[in-house]
Amino acid sequence: MKPGDRVRISNCKDDSYYHATLISITEESATYKHDTVGGAFTCSRKYVSPASFCSSCECDPCDCDWGQ
């Protein structure tokens, strides 16, 4: 992962997540910009993973059943 990448931020309380744009990343933390909330946020890197998008409609494949 590198700055500018789209990432998935996992919720520490349940199985939900949201997408954001990575600003910076270290071995321990990640700073990101949330899509709808202004400002930058930092969290533990363990809650950040690369986002993968459906090649057909560019949505999150976990949320998409298009073409299935």
N, C-alpha and C. Protein backbone atom coordinates (compact mmCIF):
# COMPACT_ATOMS: atom_id res chain seq x y z
N MET A 1 0.85 -1.17 0.00
CA MET A 1 0.00 0.00 0.00
C MET A 1 0.90 1.24 0.00
N LYS A 2 0.43 2.26 -0.70
CA LYS A 2 1.18 3.50 -0.79
C LYS A 2 0.21 4.68 -0.77
N PRO A 3 0.68 5.88 -0.43
CA PRO A 3 -0.20 7.04 -0.42
C PRO A 3 -0.93 7.19 -1.75
N GLY A 4 -2.20 7.53 -1.66
CA GLY A 4 -3.05 7.67 -2.83
C GLY A 4 -3.88 6.44 -3.13
N ASP A 5 -3.52 5.29 -2.56
CA ASP A 5 -4.28 4.06 -2.77
C ASP A 5 -5.62 4.12 -2.05
N ARG A 6 -6.61 3.45 -2.61
CA ARG A 6 -7.89 3.27 -1.93
C ARG A 6 -7.73 2.10 -0.99
N VAL A 7 -8.20 2.26 0.25
CA VAL A 7 -8.05 1.22 1.26
C VAL A 7 -9.39 0.96 1.94
N ARG A 8 -9.45 -0.17 2.60
CA ARG A 8 -10.62 -0.55 3.40
C ARG A 8 -10.24 -0.39 4.86
N ILE A 9 -11.03 0.37 5.60
CA ILE A 9 -10.82 0.57 7.03
C ILE A 9 -11.84 -0.28 7.77
N SER A 10 -11.37 -1.23 8.56
CA SER A 10 -12.26 -2.12 9.31
C SER A 10 -12.64 -1.49 10.63
N ASN A 11 -13.87 -1.74 11.06
CA ASN A 11 -14.35 -1.28 12.35
C ASN A 11 -13.84 -2.24 13.42
N CYS A 12 -13.33 -1.71 14.52
CA CYS A 12 -12.79 -2.57 15.57
C CYS A 12 -13.89 -3.21 16.42
N LYS A 13 -15.13 -2.72 16.31
CA LYS A 13 -16.22 -3.23 17.14
C LYS A 13 -17.08 -4.30 16.48
N ASP A 14 -17.14 -4.28 15.14
CA ASP A 14 -17.96 -5.26 14.44
C ASP A 14 -17.32 -5.56 13.08
N ASP A 15 -18.07 -6.20 12.19
CA ASP A 15 -17.52 -6.61 10.90
C ASP A 15 -17.68 -5.56 9.80
N SER A 16 -18.13 -4.37 10.16
CA SER A 16 -18.33 -3.35 9.13
C SER A 16 -17.01 -2.71 8.72
N TYR A 17 -17.05 -1.98 7.62
CA TYR A 17 -15.86 -1.29 7.11
C TYR A 17 -16.31 -0.15 6.21
N TYR A 18 -15.38 0.70 5.83
CA TYR A 18 -15.64 1.75 4.85
C TYR A 18 -14.37 1.96 4.04
N HIS A 19 -14.51 2.66 2.94
CA HIS A 19 -13.37 2.93 2.07
C HIS A 19 -12.85 4.33 2.30
N ALA A 20 -11.55 4.51 2.08
CA ALA A 20 -10.90 5.79 2.27
C ALA A 20 -9.69 5.86 1.34
N THR A 21 -9.09 7.03 1.29
CA THR A 21 -7.87 7.22 0.50
C THR A 21 -6.70 7.35 1.46
N LEU A 22 -5.69 6.55 1.25
CA LEU A 22 -4.52 6.52 2.12
C LEU A 22 -3.67 7.77 1.90
N ILE A 23 -3.31 8.43 3.00
CA ILE A 23 -2.45 9.61 2.93
C ILE A 23 -1.01 9.23 3.25
N SER A 24 -0.82 8.47 4.34
CA SER A 24 0.52 8.00 4.69
C SER A 24 0.39 6.71 5.49
N ILE A 25 1.47 5.94 5.50
CA ILE A 25 1.44 4.66 6.21
C ILE A 25 2.82 4.38 6.79
N THR A 26 2.84 3.86 8.02
CA THR A 26 4.07 3.43 8.67
C THR A 26 3.89 1.97 9.07
N GLU A 27 4.87 1.42 9.75
CA GLU A 27 4.74 0.04 10.21
C GLU A 27 3.63 -0.13 11.24
N GLU A 28 3.30 0.96 11.95
CA GLU A 28 2.34 0.87 13.05
C GLU A 28 1.01 1.55 12.79
N SER A 29 0.97 2.55 11.92
CA SER A 29 -0.27 3.31 11.75
C SER A 29 -0.48 3.72 10.30
N ALA A 30 -1.71 4.18 10.04
CA ALA A 30 -2.06 4.68 8.71
C ALA A 30 -2.91 5.93 8.88
N THR A 31 -2.64 6.92 8.03
CA THR A 31 -3.43 8.14 8.01
C THR A 31 -4.21 8.14 6.70
N TYR A 32 -5.49 8.45 6.80
CA TYR A 32 -6.35 8.36 5.63
C TYR A 32 -7.36 9.48 5.61
N LYS A 33 -7.94 9.73 4.43
CA LYS A 33 -9.02 10.68 4.27
C LYS A 33 -10.29 9.91 4.01
N HIS A 34 -11.25 10.11 4.87
CA HIS A 34 -12.57 9.48 4.73
C HIS A 34 -13.29 10.12 3.55
N ASP A 35 -14.10 9.34 2.83
CA ASP A 35 -14.79 9.84 1.65
C ASP A 35 -15.80 10.94 1.94
N THR A 36 -16.49 10.86 3.06
CA THR A 36 -17.58 11.81 3.30
C THR A 36 -17.34 12.73 4.50
N VAL A 37 -16.37 12.43 5.34
CA VAL A 37 -16.10 13.24 6.51
C VAL A 37 -14.82 14.04 6.24
N GLY A 38 -14.84 15.32 6.49
CA GLY A 38 -13.67 16.14 6.25
C GLY A 38 -12.54 15.85 7.24
N GLY A 39 -11.32 16.08 6.82
CA GLY A 39 -10.17 15.92 7.69
C GLY A 39 -9.45 14.61 7.45
N ALA A 40 -8.34 14.46 8.16
CA ALA A 40 -7.54 13.24 8.06
C ALA A 40 -7.63 12.49 9.38
N PHE A 41 -7.58 11.18 9.32
CA PHE A 41 -7.71 10.33 10.50
C PHE A 41 -6.56 9.34 10.52
N THR A 42 -6.13 8.96 11.71
CA THR A 42 -5.06 7.98 11.88
C THR A 42 -5.58 6.82 12.70
N CYS A 43 -5.22 5.60 12.29
CA CYS A 43 -5.61 4.42 13.03
C CYS A 43 -4.47 3.41 12.99
N SER A 44 -4.62 2.35 13.76
CA SER A 44 -3.64 1.27 13.74
C SER A 44 -3.65 0.62 12.36
N ARG A 45 -2.48 0.24 11.89
CA ARG A 45 -2.38 -0.37 10.57
C ARG A 45 -3.14 -1.69 10.48
N LYS A 46 -3.35 -2.35 11.61
CA LYS A 46 -4.05 -3.64 11.56
C LYS A 46 -5.49 -3.51 11.08
N TYR A 47 -6.05 -2.31 11.10
CA TYR A 47 -7.42 -2.10 10.62
C TYR A 47 -7.48 -1.68 9.16
N VAL A 48 -6.33 -1.57 8.50
CA VAL A 48 -6.26 -1.10 7.12
C VAL A 48 -5.85 -2.23 6.19
N SER A 49 -6.58 -2.40 5.11
CA SER A 49 -6.21 -3.39 4.10
C SER A 49 -6.45 -2.79 2.72
N PRO A 50 -5.77 -3.31 1.71
CA PRO A 50 -5.99 -2.78 0.36
C PRO A 50 -7.43 -3.03 -0.07
N ALA A 51 -8.01 -2.06 -0.74
CA ALA A 51 -9.37 -2.22 -1.26
C ALA A 51 -9.27 -2.88 -2.63
N SER A 52 -10.14 -3.82 -2.87
CA SER A 52 -10.21 -4.43 -4.20
C SER A 52 -11.55 -4.05 -4.80
N PHE A 53 -11.54 -3.76 -6.07
CA PHE A 53 -12.75 -3.31 -6.73
C PHE A 53 -13.11 -4.22 -7.89
N CYS A 54 -14.37 -4.40 -8.10
CA CYS A 54 -14.92 -5.21 -9.18
C CYS A 54 -14.48 -4.61 -10.52
N SER A 55 -13.98 -5.43 -11.42
CA SER A 55 -13.54 -4.92 -12.72
C SER A 55 -14.73 -4.53 -13.60
N SER A 56 -15.90 -5.03 -13.29
CA SER A 56 -17.07 -4.74 -14.13
C SER A 56 -17.69 -3.38 -13.82
N CYS A 57 -17.86 -3.07 -12.54
CA CYS A 57 -18.54 -1.82 -12.20
C CYS A 57 -17.76 -0.97 -11.20
N GLU A 58 -16.54 -1.37 -10.83
CA GLU A 58 -15.65 -0.64 -9.92
C GLU A 58 -16.22 -0.47 -8.52
N CYS A 59 -17.11 -1.36 -8.11
CA CYS A 59 -17.61 -1.35 -6.75
C CYS A 59 -16.78 -2.32 -5.91
N ASP A 60 -17.04 -2.39 -4.65
CA ASP A 60 -16.39 -3.36 -3.78
C ASP A 60 -16.99 -4.72 -4.06
N PRO A 61 -16.19 -5.73 -4.44
CA PRO A 61 -16.76 -7.04 -4.76
C PRO A 61 -17.52 -7.69 -3.59
N CYS A 62 -17.20 -7.30 -2.37
CA CYS A 62 -17.92 -7.85 -1.22
C CYS A 62 -19.36 -7.33 -1.17
N ASP A 63 -19.60 -6.19 -1.78
CA ASP A 63 -20.93 -5.59 -1.78
C ASP A 63 -21.67 -5.80 -3.08
N CYS A 64 -21.01 -6.45 -4.06
CA CYS A 64 -21.59 -6.51 -5.40
C CYS A 64 -21.92 -7.95 -5.80
N ASP A 65 -23.12 -8.15 -6.33
CA ASP A 65 -23.42 -9.44 -6.92
C ASP A 65 -23.76 -9.24 -8.39
N TRP A 66 -23.28 -8.15 -8.98
CA TRP A 66 -23.48 -7.87 -10.38
C TRP A 66 -22.71 -8.91 -11.19
N GLY A 67 -23.37 -9.51 -12.12
CA GLY A 67 -22.72 -10.49 -12.98
C GLY A 67 -22.58 -11.87 -12.36
N GLN A 68 -23.13 -12.09 -11.17
CA GLN A 68 -23.03 -13.41 -10.55
C GLN A 68 -24.30 -14.19 -10.77
